[in-house]
Protein backbone atom coordinates (compact mmCIF):
# COMPACT_ATOMS: atom_id res chain seq x y z
CA UNK A 1 96.01 -10.32 -35.65
CA UNK A 2 98.70 -8.10 -37.14
CA UNK A 3 100.94 -9.22 -39.97
CA UNK A 4 103.95 -9.35 -37.64
CA UNK A 5 102.16 -11.52 -35.10
CA UNK A 6 100.82 -13.74 -37.87
CA UNK A 7 104.33 -14.26 -39.25
CA UNK A 8 105.69 -15.08 -35.78
CA UNK A 9 102.87 -17.60 -35.31
CA UNK A 10 103.73 -19.39 -38.56
CA UNK A 11 107.41 -19.36 -37.61
CA UNK A 12 106.63 -21.01 -34.27
CA UNK A 13 104.43 -23.58 -36.00
CA UNK A 14 107.24 -24.46 -38.43
CA UNK A 15 109.85 -24.65 -35.67
CA UNK A 16 107.80 -27.38 -34.01
CA UNK A 17 108.65 -29.87 -36.78
CA UNK A 18 112.45 -29.94 -36.20
CA UNK A 19 111.74 -30.25 -32.48
CA UNK A 20 109.51 -33.27 -33.13
CA UNK A 21 112.11 -34.91 -35.37
CA UNK A 22 114.74 -34.54 -32.67
CA UNK A 23 112.58 -35.60 -29.74
CA UNK A 24 110.79 -38.66 -31.17
CA UNK A 25 113.83 -41.01 -31.04
CA UNK A 26 114.64 -39.74 -27.55
CA UNK A 27 111.22 -40.84 -26.25
CA UNK A 28 111.80 -44.35 -27.61
CA UNK A 29 115.29 -44.37 -26.10
CA UNK A 30 113.89 -43.22 -22.74
CA UNK A 31 111.38 -46.11 -22.70
CA UNK A 32 114.05 -48.67 -23.64
CA UNK A 33 116.42 -47.36 -20.97
CA UNK A 34 113.74 -47.51 -18.28
CA UNK A 35 112.70 -51.03 -19.29
CA UNK A 36 116.31 -52.16 -19.02
CA UNK A 37 116.63 -50.65 -15.55
CA UNK A 38 113.38 -52.27 -14.41
CA UNK A 39 114.67 -55.63 -15.67
CA UNK A 40 118.02 -55.19 -13.84
CA UNK A 41 119.92 -54.67 -17.08
CA UNK A 42 122.23 -51.86 -18.01
CA UNK A 43 120.68 -51.38 -21.43
CA UNK A 44 121.39 -48.72 -24.08
CA UNK A 45 121.38 -45.04 -23.20
CA UNK A 46 118.47 -42.88 -24.45
CA UNK A 47 120.56 -41.58 -27.39
CA UNK A 48 120.95 -45.05 -28.94
CA UNK A 49 117.96 -44.69 -31.34
CA UNK A 50 119.66 -41.63 -32.83
CA UNK A 51 122.86 -43.60 -33.36
CA UNK A 52 120.88 -46.38 -35.05
CA UNK A 53 119.20 -43.91 -37.40
CA UNK A 54 122.51 -42.30 -38.27
CA UNK A 55 124.00 -45.72 -39.02
CA UNK A 56 121.06 -46.72 -41.22
CA UNK A 57 121.12 -43.46 -43.17
CA UNK A 58 124.79 -44.09 -43.97
CA UNK A 59 124.00 -47.46 -45.55
CA UNK A 60 122.82 -48.02 -49.09
CA UNK A 61 119.26 -49.41 -49.37
CA UNK A 62 118.91 -52.88 -50.85
CA UNK A 63 115.78 -53.54 -52.90
CA UNK A 64 114.57 -56.95 -54.05
CA UNK A 65 114.22 -57.61 -57.77
CA UNK A 66 110.49 -58.30 -57.33
CA UNK A 67 109.85 -54.87 -55.74
CA UNK A 68 107.73 -52.33 -57.59
CA UNK A 69 108.05 -48.52 -57.41
CA UNK A 70 105.49 -48.62 -54.58
CA UNK A 71 108.02 -50.43 -52.38
CA UNK A 72 110.65 -47.75 -53.04
CA UNK A 73 108.28 -44.81 -52.56
CA UNK A 74 106.49 -46.14 -49.46
CA UNK A 75 109.14 -45.10 -46.87
CA UNK A 76 109.05 -41.49 -48.05
CA UNK A 77 105.23 -41.39 -48.17
CA UNK A 78 104.88 -42.99 -44.74
CA UNK A 79 107.41 -40.62 -43.18
CA UNK A 80 105.97 -37.45 -44.74
CA UNK A 81 102.36 -38.43 -43.95
CA UNK A 82 103.25 -39.16 -40.31
CA UNK A 83 105.13 -35.88 -39.98
CA UNK A 84 102.21 -34.00 -41.57
CA UNK A 85 99.84 -35.69 -39.11
CA UNK A 86 102.04 -34.48 -36.26
CA UNK A 87 101.92 -30.94 -37.66
CA UNK A 88 98.13 -31.08 -37.16
CA UNK A 89 98.46 -31.68 -33.39
CA UNK A 90 99.09 -28.54 -31.24
CA UNK A 91 102.40 -29.10 -29.49
CA UNK A 92 103.39 -26.12 -27.31
CA UNK A 93 100.71 -23.47 -27.87
CA UNK A 94 97.13 -23.00 -28.99
CA UNK A 95 95.85 -20.32 -31.29
CA UNK A 96 98.70 -20.54 -33.80
CA UNK A 97 97.86 -19.96 -37.50
CA UNK A 98 98.34 -23.69 -38.16
CA UNK A 99 95.36 -24.35 -35.86
CA UNK A 100 93.08 -23.95 -38.87
CA UNK A 101 94.13 -27.40 -40.13
CA UNK A 102 94.26 -29.01 -36.67
CA UNK A 103 91.17 -31.12 -37.27
CA UNK A 104 90.76 -34.66 -36.02
CA UNK A 105 89.42 -35.81 -39.43
CA UNK A 106 92.62 -34.55 -41.09
CA UNK A 107 94.69 -36.33 -38.44
CA UNK A 108 92.95 -39.68 -38.94
CA UNK A 109 93.15 -39.31 -42.72
CA UNK A 110 96.92 -38.70 -42.70
CA UNK A 111 97.53 -41.60 -40.34
CA UNK A 112 95.35 -43.78 -42.56
CA UNK A 113 97.38 -42.77 -45.62
CA UNK A 114 100.63 -43.75 -43.90
CA UNK A 115 99.15 -47.04 -42.74
CA UNK A 116 97.83 -47.87 -46.21
CA UNK A 117 101.23 -47.48 -47.87
CA UNK A 118 102.95 -49.31 -45.01
CA UNK A 119 100.71 -52.34 -45.48
CA UNK A 120 100.96 -52.06 -49.27
CA UNK A 121 104.76 -52.07 -49.09
CA UNK A 122 104.67 -55.15 -46.89
CA UNK A 123 102.58 -57.04 -49.44
CA UNK A 124 104.33 -55.63 -52.52
CA UNK A 125 107.55 -57.62 -52.13
CA UNK A 126 105.65 -60.90 -52.28
CA UNK A 127 106.97 -62.55 -49.10
CA UNK A 128 104.71 -64.47 -46.75
CA UNK A 129 105.73 -62.45 -43.70
CA UNK A 130 105.07 -59.11 -45.40
CA UNK A 131 101.57 -60.13 -46.42
CA UNK A 132 100.89 -61.53 -42.96
CA UNK A 133 102.04 -58.31 -41.30
CA UNK A 134 99.99 -56.17 -43.70
CA UNK A 135 96.79 -58.13 -43.06
CA UNK A 136 97.33 -57.98 -39.31
CA UNK A 137 97.96 -54.21 -39.47
CA UNK A 138 94.70 -53.69 -41.34
CA UNK A 139 92.85 -55.80 -38.76
CA UNK A 140 94.22 -53.70 -35.90
CA UNK A 141 93.55 -50.39 -37.66
CA UNK A 142 89.98 -51.33 -38.58
CA UNK A 143 89.22 -51.81 -34.90
CA UNK A 144 91.38 -48.97 -33.55
CA UNK A 145 90.22 -46.09 -35.76
CA UNK A 146 86.55 -46.11 -34.60
CA UNK A 147 87.69 -46.10 -30.97
CA UNK A 148 90.08 -43.21 -31.60
CA UNK A 149 87.38 -41.17 -33.35
CA UNK A 150 84.91 -41.91 -30.56
CA UNK A 151 87.42 -40.71 -27.95
CA UNK A 152 88.08 -37.41 -29.72
CA UNK A 153 84.40 -36.89 -30.52
CA UNK A 154 83.68 -37.15 -26.80
CA UNK A 155 85.84 -34.09 -26.24
CA UNK A 156 84.56 -32.43 -29.40
CA UNK A 157 80.98 -32.59 -28.13
CA UNK A 158 81.94 -30.51 -25.11
CA UNK A 159 83.94 -27.99 -27.16
CA UNK A 160 81.43 -28.04 -30.06
CA UNK A 161 84.30 -28.41 -32.53
CA UNK A 162 86.43 -31.16 -34.04
CA UNK A 163 89.38 -28.77 -34.21
CA UNK A 164 92.05 -30.01 -31.80
CA UNK A 165 93.25 -26.51 -30.97
CA UNK A 166 89.69 -25.44 -30.09
CA UNK A 167 89.21 -28.55 -27.93
CA UNK A 168 92.44 -27.88 -26.02
CA UNK A 169 91.57 -24.20 -25.61
CA UNK A 170 88.15 -25.18 -24.23
CA UNK A 171 89.74 -27.53 -21.68
CA UNK A 172 92.15 -24.79 -20.64
CA UNK A 173 89.31 -22.30 -20.18
CA UNK A 174 87.11 -24.65 -18.15
CA UNK A 175 89.99 -25.59 -15.84
CA UNK A 176 90.51 -28.77 -13.85
CA UNK A 177 87.25 -30.68 -13.47
CA UNK A 178 86.34 -34.30 -12.86
CA UNK A 179 84.52 -35.54 -15.95
CA UNK A 180 83.70 -39.28 -16.18
CA UNK A 181 83.38 -38.96 -19.95
CA UNK A 182 86.95 -37.65 -20.22
CA UNK A 183 88.25 -40.47 -18.03
CA UNK A 184 86.62 -43.13 -20.19
CA UNK A 185 87.83 -41.44 -23.37
CA UNK A 186 91.39 -41.15 -22.08
CA UNK A 187 91.55 -44.82 -21.07
CA UNK A 188 90.19 -45.86 -24.46
CA UNK A 189 92.65 -43.65 -26.32
CA UNK A 190 95.55 -45.09 -24.29
CA UNK A 191 94.54 -48.60 -25.38
CA UNK A 192 94.29 -47.43 -29.00
CA UNK A 193 97.73 -45.84 -28.78
CA UNK A 194 99.23 -49.11 -27.48
CA UNK A 195 97.75 -51.04 -30.39
CA UNK A 196 98.50 -48.46 -33.09
CA UNK A 197 102.14 -48.02 -32.07
CA UNK A 198 102.81 -51.76 -31.79
CA UNK A 199 103.56 -51.91 -28.07
CA UNK A 200 103.06 -54.73 -25.59
CA UNK A 201 100.60 -56.46 -25.09
CA UNK A 202 99.36 -56.15 -28.71
CA UNK A 203 102.77 -56.28 -30.40
CA UNK A 204 106.40 -56.41 -29.31
CA UNK A 205 108.66 -53.88 -31.08
CA UNK A 206 111.79 -55.73 -29.91
CA UNK A 207 110.90 -59.15 -31.29
CA UNK A 208 112.03 -60.75 -34.52
CA UNK A 209 109.99 -63.92 -34.11
CA UNK A 210 108.13 -63.97 -37.40
CA UNK A 211 104.93 -65.61 -36.21
CA UNK A 212 104.23 -62.84 -33.67
CA UNK A 213 105.30 -59.77 -35.64
CA UNK A 214 102.93 -57.10 -36.99
CA UNK A 215 104.86 -53.90 -37.68
CA UNK A 216 108.27 -55.54 -37.98
CA UNK A 217 106.95 -58.06 -40.52
CA UNK A 218 105.98 -55.28 -42.93
CA UNK A 219 109.44 -53.65 -42.88
CA UNK A 220 111.42 -56.89 -42.80
CA UNK A 221 112.70 -56.42 -46.36
CA UNK A 222 113.82 -52.81 -45.92
CA UNK A 223 117.42 -51.74 -45.37
CA UNK A 224 119.54 -48.60 -45.30
CA UNK A 225 117.84 -45.22 -45.45
CA UNK A 226 114.50 -46.82 -46.35
CA UNK A 227 114.52 -48.72 -43.05
CA UNK A 228 115.65 -45.55 -41.24
CA UNK A 229 112.64 -43.63 -42.57
CA UNK A 230 110.28 -46.42 -41.54
CA UNK A 231 111.75 -46.60 -38.05
CA UNK A 232 111.72 -42.80 -37.70
CA UNK A 233 108.06 -42.70 -38.78
CA UNK A 234 107.19 -45.32 -36.14
CA UNK A 235 108.97 -43.24 -33.48
CA UNK A 236 107.09 -40.12 -34.61
CA UNK A 237 103.80 -42.02 -34.39
CA UNK A 238 104.54 -43.08 -30.81
CA UNK A 239 105.29 -39.51 -29.82
CA UNK A 240 102.22 -38.26 -31.70
CA UNK A 241 99.92 -40.41 -29.59
CA UNK A 242 101.77 -39.37 -26.44
CA UNK A 243 101.39 -35.67 -27.25
CA UNK A 244 97.76 -36.20 -28.24
CA UNK A 245 96.94 -37.85 -24.92
CA UNK A 246 98.68 -35.34 -22.65
CA UNK A 247 97.59 -32.24 -24.58
CA UNK A 248 93.95 -33.26 -24.93
CA UNK A 249 93.33 -34.56 -21.42
CA UNK A 250 96.10 -32.78 -19.44
CA UNK A 251 96.54 -29.53 -21.37
CA UNK A 252 97.58 -27.37 -18.42
CA UNK A 253 100.84 -25.64 -19.18
CA UNK A 254 100.26 -25.08 -22.90
CA UNK A 255 100.96 -21.51 -23.92
CA UNK A 256 97.89 -19.45 -24.79
CA UNK A 257 100.07 -16.43 -25.49
CA UNK A 258 103.10 -17.64 -27.50
CA UNK A 259 105.81 -15.57 -25.84
CA UNK A 260 109.34 -17.03 -25.46
CA UNK A 261 108.94 -17.49 -21.69
CA UNK A 262 105.55 -19.19 -22.09
CA UNK A 263 106.86 -21.51 -24.82
CA UNK A 264 109.85 -22.54 -22.69
CA UNK A 265 107.56 -23.30 -19.77
CA UNK A 266 105.24 -25.27 -22.04
CA UNK A 267 108.20 -27.23 -23.43
CA UNK A 268 109.43 -28.10 -19.93
CA UNK A 269 105.99 -29.28 -18.78
CA UNK A 270 105.42 -31.27 -21.99
CA UNK A 271 108.78 -32.98 -21.49
CA UNK A 272 107.85 -33.97 -17.94
CA UNK A 273 104.46 -35.28 -19.06
CA UNK A 274 105.97 -37.37 -21.87
CA UNK A 275 108.67 -38.73 -19.52
CA UNK A 276 105.95 -39.77 -17.07
CA UNK A 277 103.93 -41.35 -19.86
CA UNK A 278 107.04 -43.16 -21.12
CA UNK A 279 107.69 -44.43 -17.59
CA UNK A 280 104.16 -45.80 -17.49
CA UNK A 281 104.72 -47.59 -20.81
CA UNK A 282 107.99 -49.06 -19.54
CA UNK A 283 106.37 -50.35 -16.34
CA UNK A 284 103.43 -51.83 -18.25
CA UNK A 285 105.67 -53.58 -20.78
CA UNK A 286 107.82 -54.98 -17.97
CA UNK A 287 104.90 -56.43 -16.03
CA UNK A 288 102.72 -57.58 -18.94
CA UNK A 289 103.26 -60.30 -21.51
CA UNK A 290 102.35 -60.13 -25.17
CA UNK A 291 98.87 -61.48 -25.77
CA UNK A 292 97.93 -63.88 -28.55
CA UNK A 293 96.99 -62.24 -31.82
CA UNK A 294 93.44 -63.55 -31.67
CA UNK A 295 92.91 -61.66 -28.41
CA UNK A 296 93.85 -58.32 -29.98
CA UNK A 297 90.26 -57.72 -31.21
CA UNK A 298 89.02 -58.16 -27.65
CA UNK A 299 91.59 -55.62 -26.48
CA UNK A 300 90.42 -53.08 -29.07
CA UNK A 301 86.76 -53.89 -28.39
CA UNK A 302 87.44 -52.86 -24.79
CA UNK A 303 88.93 -49.59 -26.07
CA UNK A 304 85.83 -48.96 -28.19
CA UNK A 305 83.55 -49.81 -25.27
CA UNK A 306 85.38 -47.35 -23.00
CA UNK A 307 85.18 -44.54 -25.55
CA UNK A 308 81.51 -45.34 -26.21
CA UNK A 309 80.81 -45.11 -22.47
CA UNK A 310 82.61 -41.78 -22.48
CA UNK A 311 80.47 -40.49 -25.31
CA UNK A 312 77.23 -41.72 -23.76
CA UNK A 313 78.09 -40.31 -20.34
CA UNK A 314 78.89 -36.99 -21.97
CA UNK A 315 75.48 -36.97 -23.68
CA UNK A 316 73.68 -37.92 -20.47
CA UNK A 317 75.46 -35.29 -18.40
CA UNK A 318 74.95 -32.60 -21.06
CA UNK A 319 71.21 -33.26 -21.30
CA UNK A 320 70.73 -33.46 -17.53
CA UNK A 321 72.31 -30.03 -16.95
């Protein structure tokens, strides 16, 4: 690769971050708008999350007297760690220079760092709801992370690499094929994404009923720009899982040669895929009710079982060929 091509590749990789920051609130707004329409309500337009963020950034943060420096630093750490985790996931093209760090272990580590400080901030203030939300978040993550790793390892066994860019490139090269292992892994990863992003039926992002909250309980004491950063990080995490699902299991349309025309086509197809995925989330949250907290482990055990079946079926099919 020439120096000019290498520089263009890094430029494209860096330009993905502003695109992610702009698009993440729009995905949340799209889901809220669709849910409102499905429930025969007018609802807010898809740009409302951006207006909420702008309003929160204009307000001064209020910090309790019992808060430590960890409480003040947590929003910045959570936001930066989530954004760094998104930088690991190939967005519009494969083979960019940033693909060297696009490893699933790095991705899980960065998400774990953000989750650790999120739970720590919830417990730091000393309120009952913050500690309750932090403990529930750790319960969900302890069950969700193994299932997520198992899902990605299923694909990694076929590509013989844990690098996400290599896995996507392998799926692009092999073309469309019916693989039972991929189907099980995708279903398991969808369940993990629902739990990790706090969506129905595991959690309800729109509720403020304290006894049922998980994510909202941890950020209940935040205000102003601190709350804006926490909300923005949650929106980025939702889009991260959406991009991870569509690019790993439905990678067709990603640019292998990062020319302007190819990148525009990849962006258009990715937008359509995320809109379809958001529509599926809206339909599911309209038809399903939030489950009891004690049933959340069963939900995540199902996700782990599906990804385990995917891994085992991959091993069986590989050895039989």
